Protein backbone atom coordinates (compact mmCIF):
# COMPACT_ATOMS: atom_id res chain seq x y z
CA MET A 1 84.38 88.61 91.74
CA ARG A 2 82.95 89.19 95.18
CA HIS A 3 85.33 92.01 95.98
CA LEU A 4 88.40 93.64 94.56
CA GLY A 5 91.00 90.94 94.17
CA GLY A 6 88.58 88.22 95.25
CA LYS A 7 89.47 85.95 92.36
CA LEU A 8 93.17 86.57 92.90
CA LEU A 9 93.61 86.24 96.65
CA PRO A 10 92.22 83.55 98.97
CA SER A 11 88.95 84.14 100.75
CA ILE A 12 89.74 85.94 103.99
CA PRO A 13 86.18 85.44 105.27
CA ALA A 14 86.62 81.68 104.90
CA LEU A 15 89.83 81.83 106.91
CA VAL A 16 88.15 83.87 109.60
CA ALA A 17 85.13 81.56 109.76
CA ALA A 18 87.45 78.66 110.54
CA ALA A 19 89.44 80.74 113.01
CA ILE A 20 86.48 81.80 115.12
CA ALA A 21 84.55 78.53 115.04
CA ALA A 22 83.06 77.73 118.43
CA THR A 23 84.55 74.77 120.24
CA ALA A 24 82.53 72.09 122.03
CA GLY A 25 83.00 70.87 125.59
CA ALA A 26 81.60 71.15 129.09
CA ALA A 27 81.54 74.66 130.56
CA THR A 28 83.56 75.17 133.70
CA ALA A 29 83.51 78.95 134.18
CA ALA A 30 80.70 81.39 134.79
CA PRO A 31 79.22 82.86 131.59
CA GLN A 32 80.37 86.35 130.63
CA PRO A 33 79.81 88.71 127.70
CA ARG A 34 82.63 88.15 125.24
CA GLU A 35 83.56 87.69 121.62
CA PRO A 36 84.34 84.26 120.22
CA GLN A 37 88.07 83.59 120.12
CA PRO A 38 89.73 81.53 117.41
CA SER A 39 90.47 77.87 117.78
CA ASP A 40 93.99 76.48 117.43
CA VAL A 41 94.30 78.11 113.97
CA TRP A 42 95.53 81.28 115.72
CA LEU A 43 98.01 81.41 118.60
CA PRO A 44 97.73 83.96 121.44
CA MET A 45 98.87 87.42 120.40
CA VAL A 46 102.61 87.95 120.34
CA PHE A 47 104.37 91.33 120.32
CA TYR A 48 107.88 91.95 119.01
CA VAL A 49 109.88 94.58 117.13
CA ALA A 50 110.55 94.13 113.41
CA LYS A 51 112.93 96.02 111.14
CA GLY A 52 112.64 96.32 107.37
CA GLU A 53 114.12 98.29 104.53
CA ALA A 54 113.91 102.09 104.35
CA ASP A 55 110.29 103.34 104.47
CA ALA A 56 109.02 99.79 105.08
CA CYS A 57 106.30 101.09 107.42
CA GLY A 58 105.85 104.55 105.91
CA ARG A 59 108.00 107.50 105.01
CA GLY A 60 111.00 107.59 107.31
CA CYS A 61 109.84 104.44 109.14
CA ARG A 62 111.68 101.13 109.06
CA GLU A 63 110.94 99.70 112.53
CA TRP A 64 107.57 98.72 113.94
CA ILE A 65 105.89 96.68 116.66
CA VAL A 66 104.22 93.49 115.48
CA ALA A 67 100.89 92.47 117.09
CA GLU A 68 100.00 89.07 115.66
CA GLY A 69 97.51 86.43 116.80
CA ALA A 70 94.38 86.12 118.88
CA ILE A 71 93.82 88.77 121.54
CA ASP A 72 93.75 87.06 124.93
CA ARG A 73 93.14 88.69 128.31
CA GLU A 74 96.88 88.89 129.08
CA ALA A 75 97.83 90.52 125.78
CA PRO A 76 97.69 94.10 127.18
CA VAL A 77 100.15 93.10 129.92
CA ARG A 78 102.62 91.77 127.34
CA LEU A 79 102.28 94.90 125.20
CA ARG A 80 102.87 97.23 128.16
CA ALA A 81 105.98 95.24 129.09
CA LEU A 82 107.37 95.64 125.56
CA LEU A 83 106.61 99.36 125.49
CA ASN A 84 108.36 99.79 128.83
CA ARG A 85 111.44 98.00 127.48
CA LEU A 86 111.45 100.30 124.44
CA GLY A 87 111.55 103.37 126.65
CA GLN A 88 111.67 106.53 124.53
CA ARG A 89 111.53 104.67 121.21
CA LYS A 90 108.18 105.58 119.66
CA LEU A 91 107.28 102.92 117.09
CA PRO A 92 104.02 102.29 115.20
CA ILE A 93 102.22 99.00 115.82
CA TYR A 94 100.72 96.76 113.11
CA PHE A 95 97.95 94.27 113.85
CA HIS A 96 97.26 90.96 112.13
CA SER A 97 94.52 89.38 114.21
CA PRO A 98 91.12 87.65 114.03
CA GLY A 99 90.05 89.25 117.32
CA GLY A 100 89.48 87.55 120.63
CA SER A 101 88.91 88.95 124.11
CA VAL A 102 86.80 92.12 124.27
CA ASP A 103 88.45 93.19 127.52
CA GLY A 104 91.88 92.57 126.02
CA GLY A 105 91.06 94.61 122.92
CA LEU A 106 89.76 97.57 124.89
CA ALA A 107 92.73 97.52 127.24
CA ILE A 108 95.16 97.53 124.30
CA GLY A 109 93.23 100.42 122.75
CA ARG A 110 93.39 102.50 125.92
CA LEU A 111 97.09 101.73 126.36
CA MET A 112 97.82 102.95 122.84
CA ARG A 113 95.77 106.12 123.43
CA GLU A 114 97.69 106.72 126.65
CA ARG A 115 100.99 106.42 124.72
CA ARG A 116 99.63 108.41 121.70
CA MET A 117 100.60 105.62 119.33
CA THR A 118 100.11 105.08 115.61
CA ALA A 119 98.49 101.76 114.67
CA GLY A 120 97.93 100.03 111.35
CA VAL A 121 96.93 96.70 109.86
CA GLY A 122 99.64 94.60 108.26
CA ARG A 123 101.14 91.14 108.12
CA THR A 124 104.77 90.84 109.17
CA ILE A 125 106.88 88.10 107.60
CA PRO A 126 110.23 87.62 109.39
CA ARG A 127 113.20 86.83 107.20
CA GLY A 128 113.46 83.09 106.60
CA CYS A 129 109.79 82.38 107.35
CA ASP A 130 107.49 80.90 104.73
CA PRO A 131 104.82 83.44 103.63
CA LEU A 132 102.56 80.56 102.57
CA ARG A 133 102.33 79.21 106.10
CA GLU A 134 100.49 81.13 108.80
CA HIS A 135 102.32 79.13 111.48
CA GLU A 136 105.73 77.48 111.47
CA PRO A 137 106.96 76.10 114.81
CA THR A 138 110.46 77.50 114.27
CA CYS A 139 109.19 80.96 113.30
CA ASP A 140 106.58 81.00 116.07
CA ASP A 141 109.33 80.29 118.59
CA VAL A 142 111.59 83.02 117.21
CA LYS A 143 108.78 85.59 117.48
CA ARG A 144 108.60 84.92 121.23
CA THR A 145 112.32 85.36 121.93
CA ALA A 146 112.11 89.17 122.46
CA ARG A 147 114.68 89.63 119.67
CA GLU A 148 114.25 92.33 117.05
CA LEU A 149 113.69 90.54 113.74
CA LEU A 150 114.47 91.51 110.16
CA ALA A 151 111.15 91.31 108.32
CA GLU A 152 108.84 92.46 105.55
CA LEU A 153 105.55 94.25 106.18
CA ARG A 154 102.68 93.49 103.78
CA THR A 155 99.15 94.86 103.60
CA ALA A 156 97.95 91.94 101.46
CA ARG A 157 96.33 88.87 103.08
CA THR A 158 96.04 90.69 106.37
CA LEU A 159 93.12 91.43 108.67
CA CYS A 160 92.04 93.05 111.92
CA ASN A 161 88.67 91.66 112.99
CA SER A 162 86.25 91.80 115.86
CA SER A 163 87.92 92.95 119.09
CA CYS A 164 91.06 93.84 117.09
CA VAL A 165 89.05 96.71 115.59
CA TYR A 166 88.32 98.04 119.09
CA ALA A 167 92.04 97.86 119.85
CA LEU A 168 92.92 99.62 116.59
CA ILE A 169 90.63 102.61 117.14
CA GLY A 170 92.34 103.33 120.45
CA ALA A 171 95.45 104.54 118.63
CA THR A 172 95.84 108.29 118.17
CA VAL A 173 96.64 107.77 114.48
CA ARG A 174 95.05 104.84 112.61
CA GLU A 175 96.12 103.58 109.19
CA VAL A 176 94.17 100.85 107.40
CA GLY A 177 96.65 100.40 104.58
CA ALA A 178 95.58 99.76 101.00
CA GLY A 179 94.83 96.05 100.70
CA ALA A 180 94.22 95.49 104.43
CA ARG A 181 90.78 94.53 105.78
CA ILE A 182 89.00 95.26 109.04
CA GLY A 183 85.97 93.13 109.88
CA VAL A 184 83.14 93.52 112.35
CA HIS A 185 80.36 91.48 113.93
CA GLU A 186 78.28 91.50 117.09
CA ILE A 187 79.73 90.25 120.34
CA ALA A 188 78.71 86.88 121.71
CA PHE A 189 77.74 85.68 125.15
CA GLY A 190 79.56 82.49 126.08
CA ARG A 191 81.45 80.26 128.44
CA TYR A 192 84.94 78.80 128.53
CA ASP A 193 85.18 75.04 128.21
CA GLU A 194 87.51 72.72 130.11
CA ARG A 195 90.36 73.52 127.69
CA GLY A 196 89.95 77.27 128.17
CA GLN A 197 88.42 77.63 124.71
CA PRO A 198 85.30 79.77 124.11
CA ALA A 199 81.90 78.23 123.56
CA PRO A 200 79.49 80.99 122.45
CA LEU A 201 75.83 80.52 123.31
CA ASP A 202 72.94 81.06 120.93
CA ARG A 203 71.32 84.41 121.67
CA LYS A 204 67.90 82.82 121.23
CA ASN A 205 68.54 80.62 124.25
CA LEU A 206 69.85 83.24 126.67
CA SER A 207 68.07 83.83 129.94
CA ALA A 208 66.72 87.24 130.90
CA GLU A 209 69.74 87.81 133.16
CA GLN A 210 72.16 86.79 130.43
CA LEU A 211 70.46 89.17 127.99
CA ARG A 212 70.74 91.96 130.55
CA GLN A 213 74.47 91.31 130.90
CA LEU A 214 74.87 91.21 127.13
CA ARG A 215 73.09 94.56 126.70
CA ALA A 216 75.27 96.07 129.41
CA GLU A 217 78.38 94.89 127.57
CA GLU A 218 77.10 96.35 124.30
CA GLY A 219 76.52 99.66 126.08
CA ARG A 220 80.11 99.58 127.35
CA LEU A 221 81.41 99.05 123.82
CA ALA A 222 79.27 101.87 122.42
CA ARG A 223 80.65 104.23 125.08
CA TYR A 224 84.22 103.15 124.29
CA VAL A 225 83.73 103.84 120.56
CA ALA A 226 82.48 107.35 121.41
CA GLU A 227 85.33 107.88 123.87
CA MET A 228 87.85 107.11 121.12
CA GLY A 229 86.24 109.75 118.87
CA ILE A 230 84.83 107.23 116.38
CA ASP A 231 81.38 107.59 114.79
CA LYS A 232 78.72 105.34 116.34
CA GLY A 233 78.14 103.95 112.85
CA LEU A 234 81.02 101.53 113.54
CA PHE A 235 79.20 100.01 116.51
CA ASP A 236 75.91 99.97 114.60
CA ALA A 237 77.55 98.16 111.68
CA ALA A 238 78.95 95.52 114.03
CA THR A 239 75.62 94.85 115.74
CA GLN A 240 73.98 94.07 112.40
CA ILE A 241 76.22 91.03 111.75
CA VAL A 242 75.75 87.81 113.75
CA HIS A 243 78.85 86.76 115.66
CA GLN A 244 79.32 83.62 113.51
CA ARG A 245 80.02 85.84 110.48
CA ILE A 246 82.31 88.74 109.55
CA ARG A 247 81.60 91.77 107.38
CA TYR A 248 84.53 93.73 106.06
CA LEU A 249 84.07 97.49 106.04
CA SER A 250 84.34 99.45 102.82
CA HIS A 251 86.82 102.32 102.69
CA ASP A 252 83.83 104.67 102.48
CA GLU A 253 82.81 103.39 105.92
CA ILE A 254 86.36 103.43 107.27
CA ALA A 255 86.59 107.12 106.35
CA ARG A 256 83.04 108.02 107.41
CA PHE A 257 83.47 106.42 110.83
CA GLY A 258 86.70 108.39 111.35
CA ILE A 259 89.02 105.39 111.50
CA ASP A 260 91.25 106.43 108.58
CA ARG A 261 90.35 109.50 106.50
CA ARG A 262 93.45 109.69 104.31
CA GLU A 263 92.34 110.59 100.79
CA PHE A 264 95.13 108.66 99.13
CA HIS A 265 97.31 105.82 100.31
CA GLU A 266 99.05 102.99 98.55
CA SER A 267 100.82 99.76 99.39
CA ARG A 268 104.33 99.01 98.27
CA TRP A 269 104.74 96.54 95.40
CA MET A 270 104.63 93.10 97.00
CA VAL A 271 105.29 89.54 95.94
CA ASP A 272 102.21 87.36 96.45
CA GLU A 273 103.08 83.68 96.40
CA GLY A 274 99.48 82.46 96.05
CA PRO A 275 97.48 80.29 96.08
CA PRO A 276 95.18 80.46 94.22
CA GLY A 277 97.02 81.18 91.04
CA PRO A 278 100.76 81.44 90.44
CA LEU A 279 103.25 83.78 92.05
CA ALA A 280 102.45 87.41 91.23
CA VAL A 281 103.46 90.97 92.03
CA ILE A 282 100.65 93.09 93.45
CA LYS A 283 99.98 96.66 94.49
CA PHE A 284 96.92 98.28 96.09
CA ALA A 285 95.92 101.94 96.14
CA VAL A 286 92.99 103.70 97.83
CA GLU A 287 91.88 107.07 96.47
CA ALA A 288 89.08 109.47 97.39
CA LYS A 289 87.28 110.45 94.20
CA ALA A 290 84.79 113.24 93.64
CA ALA A 291 81.19 112.09 93.26
CA ALA A 292 79.39 112.67 89.98
CA LYS A 293 76.95 115.07 91.67
CA ALA A 294 78.10 118.25 93.37
CA GLY A 295 77.64 118.28 97.13
CA GLU A 296 77.85 114.51 97.57
CA PRO A 297 80.70 113.08 99.70
CA LYS A 298 83.85 111.77 98.09
CA GLN A 299 83.93 108.07 97.30
CA PHE A 300 86.88 106.01 98.54
CA ARG A 301 87.80 103.38 95.96
CA THR A 302 90.46 100.65 95.82
CA THR A 303 92.56 99.71 92.80
CA LEU A 304 94.59 96.49 92.48
CA ILE A 305 97.38 95.94 89.97
CA ARG A 306 98.60 92.36 89.56
CA LEU A 307 101.56 91.29 87.43
CA THR A 308 102.02 87.67 86.34
CA CYS A 309 104.20 85.71 83.91
CA GLY A 310 103.37 86.40 80.27
CA ARG A 311 102.82 83.86 77.51
CA ARG A 312 106.18 84.71 75.98
CA GLY A 313 109.53 85.44 77.51
CA GLY A 314 110.17 89.07 78.29
CA GLU A 315 106.54 90.01 78.93
CA VAL A 316 104.16 90.16 81.88
CA GLY A 317 100.40 90.05 82.14
CA VAL A 318 98.92 93.14 83.78
CA GLU A 319 95.60 92.71 85.56
CA TYR A 320 94.02 95.99 86.61
CA GLY A 321 90.96 95.86 88.84
CA ARG A 322 89.27 98.91 90.26
CA GLU A 323 86.23 99.74 92.31
CA LEU A 324 84.26 102.34 90.40
CA ALA A 325 83.24 105.76 91.65
CA SER A 326 80.20 107.41 90.10
CA SER A 327 82.53 109.85 88.29
CA ASP A 328 84.65 107.14 86.61
CA LYS A 329 84.35 106.82 82.83
CA PRO A 330 84.44 103.63 80.73
CA GLY A 331 87.12 104.88 78.32
CA SER A 332 90.71 103.71 77.88
CA ILE A 333 93.31 104.14 80.64
CA ALA A 334 96.91 105.12 79.90
CA VAL A 335 99.75 103.81 82.10
CA THR A 336 102.90 105.92 81.73
CA THR A 337 106.46 105.99 83.03
CA ARG A 338 109.68 107.62 81.77
CA GLY A 339 108.11 108.39 78.44
CA ASP A 340 106.90 104.83 77.86
CA VAL A 341 103.18 104.04 77.83
CA PHE A 342 100.69 101.24 77.38
CA VAL A 343 96.91 101.37 77.23
CA LEU A 344 94.33 99.39 79.18
CA ALA A 345 91.31 99.08 76.91
CA PRO A 346 87.77 99.22 78.36
CA PRO A 347 86.44 95.87 79.64
CA ARG A 348 84.82 93.69 77.02
CA ARG A 349 81.72 93.25 79.11
CA GLY A 350 79.75 96.47 79.01
CA LYS A 351 78.24 96.34 82.48
CA PRO A 352 80.33 96.50 85.69
CA VAL A 353 79.96 93.71 88.23
CA LEU A 354 79.02 94.18 91.86
CA GLY A 355 82.00 93.66 94.14
CA TYR A 356 82.37 93.64 97.89
CA ASN A 357 79.82 95.77 99.77
CA ASP A 358 77.92 96.10 96.47
CA ILE A 359 80.45 98.52 94.98
CA GLU A 360 80.62 98.34 91.19
CA MET A 361 83.95 97.24 89.79
CA GLU A 362 85.70 96.38 86.57
CA ASP A 363 88.73 94.38 85.43
CA ARG A 364 91.10 95.19 82.58
CA PHE A 365 94.04 93.28 81.14
CA ALA A 366 97.11 93.89 78.96
CA ARG A 367 100.36 92.14 78.04
CA VAL A 368 103.38 94.37 78.43
CA PRO A 369 107.18 93.98 78.06
CA ILE A 370 108.63 93.34 81.52
CA ALA A 371 111.14 96.11 80.81
CA PHE A 372 108.32 98.63 81.30
CA PHE A 373 108.35 97.82 85.01
CA GLU A 374 112.07 97.04 85.31
CA GLU A 375 112.85 100.56 84.08
CA ALA A 376 109.91 102.35 85.70
CA GLY A 377 111.87 104.95 87.64
CA ASP A 378 110.33 106.66 90.67
CA ALA A 379 106.67 106.65 89.69
CA ILE A 380 104.02 105.24 87.39
CA GLU A 381 101.12 107.45 86.26
CA ILE A 382 97.66 106.15 85.51
CA LYS A 383 95.31 108.46 83.65
CA GLN A 384 91.81 108.10 82.26
CA ALA A 385 91.53 109.04 78.59
CA PRO A 386 89.63 112.35 78.24
CA ASP A 387 85.98 112.28 77.28
CA SER A 388 85.74 113.35 73.63
CA ALA A 389 82.62 115.35 74.50
CA ALA A 390 84.38 117.27 77.29
CA PRO A 391 88.18 117.07 76.80
CA ASP A 392 88.73 120.02 79.15
CA LYS A 393 87.37 117.99 82.08
CA ALA A 394 89.94 115.20 81.89
CA SER A 395 90.77 113.78 85.32
CA ALA A 396 94.16 114.31 86.91
CA PRO A 397 96.53 111.32 86.76
CA THR A 398 97.04 109.03 89.73
CA ARG A 399 100.73 108.82 90.58
CA LEU A 400 101.88 105.50 92.05
CA ALA A 401 105.23 105.10 93.79
CA THR A 402 107.51 102.25 92.75
CA GLN A 403 108.74 101.29 96.22
CA GLY A 404 109.45 97.57 96.27
CA LEU A 405 108.88 97.17 92.52
CA GLN A 406 112.45 96.35 91.46
CA ASP A 407 112.93 93.56 93.99
CA ALA A 408 109.46 92.16 93.30
CA ILE A 409 109.92 92.21 89.51
CA ARG A 410 113.29 90.46 89.87
CA ILE A 411 111.65 87.66 91.86
CA LEU A 412 108.81 87.41 89.32
CA ALA A 413 111.26 87.28 86.39
CA GLN A 414 113.21 84.45 88.04
CA HIS A 415 109.96 82.60 88.68
CA CYS A 416 108.88 83.03 85.04
CA LEU A 417 112.16 81.58 83.80
CA ARG A 418 111.66 78.46 85.94
CA SER A 419 108.01 78.02 84.93
């Protein structure tokens, strides 16, 4: 696996590579420093209000602003118009975007700072829309009607890349939910072709004047990052990746740069329709763990739980993947709820594999009666078995909420019966 969940979820970098591919054509506008925008895979960013079940967007939050699509230069105007219509209603905003216009991203960021907004990364699926399709003409039209839509908010299969990251950091409160990704790369210098699509130029072929303009634009971005109170490491990380590629930040970096320093956050239990693989129920959690050596910073690590149909009726397969902190032990892991328990044995392979950003990770698996999750109650506890050599130093359990679990398990059980 290249990163946590990489063998279970589709390759987001592959999606992004297609989305930001440069388009050919004769240039008609003067060159300007900019980021590559996506091709027709992504539509211009749309903003609308969505409403979900209780706590859909956090404790006490069930309504949010959706920001979905490529950031174009008029996107800040559309967002300001929506905020003005909302008046005193103070809603969080959730981005699902491959990036786009640098100017548009910075303007959105400053607008959110002006309004002291909370921003996160999440994919909104309006009721009746197909989660397997990024674009449906009917759904795309509904999103642009200015109606408030009943929807589900997911932090799986979602991203905020490139100029979207600059927009995100403008918010007063930033939440990169467990399972969500934010990706960075350097900006590009380019032109617009006759269709209004971007055509980035190779940096090796830029003139001295074009290089001067590009450096000036990079300086403007560095100043913006500092203005938003974010560590310059974010800008440095972006400049190290060519604009044709994307690198997703680790949660260590997200915390170190000051984007989201929460020491624990978790997704709700979500249905994931695939592909690859069959329909599953998934949950992500991010936790700051103490380092093995005193004085070293905490390590932010992601865990993914994935439930699938079992071999026999009445059971589910439990896949448990975790990024390893230096303090994690290889022993058994107990999963407990309402007095019931099952054990995840240590991986058969003795050596962890390198996951995304070269973080060591491991996978475990068990088959469990589906009733364990149907009757889970309010929480599920996950606890590392104590080290026999030092039983008094056993780690505290991680407590996972069961929000969304009952509905997701019901859908999985129906799917298993049909399979």
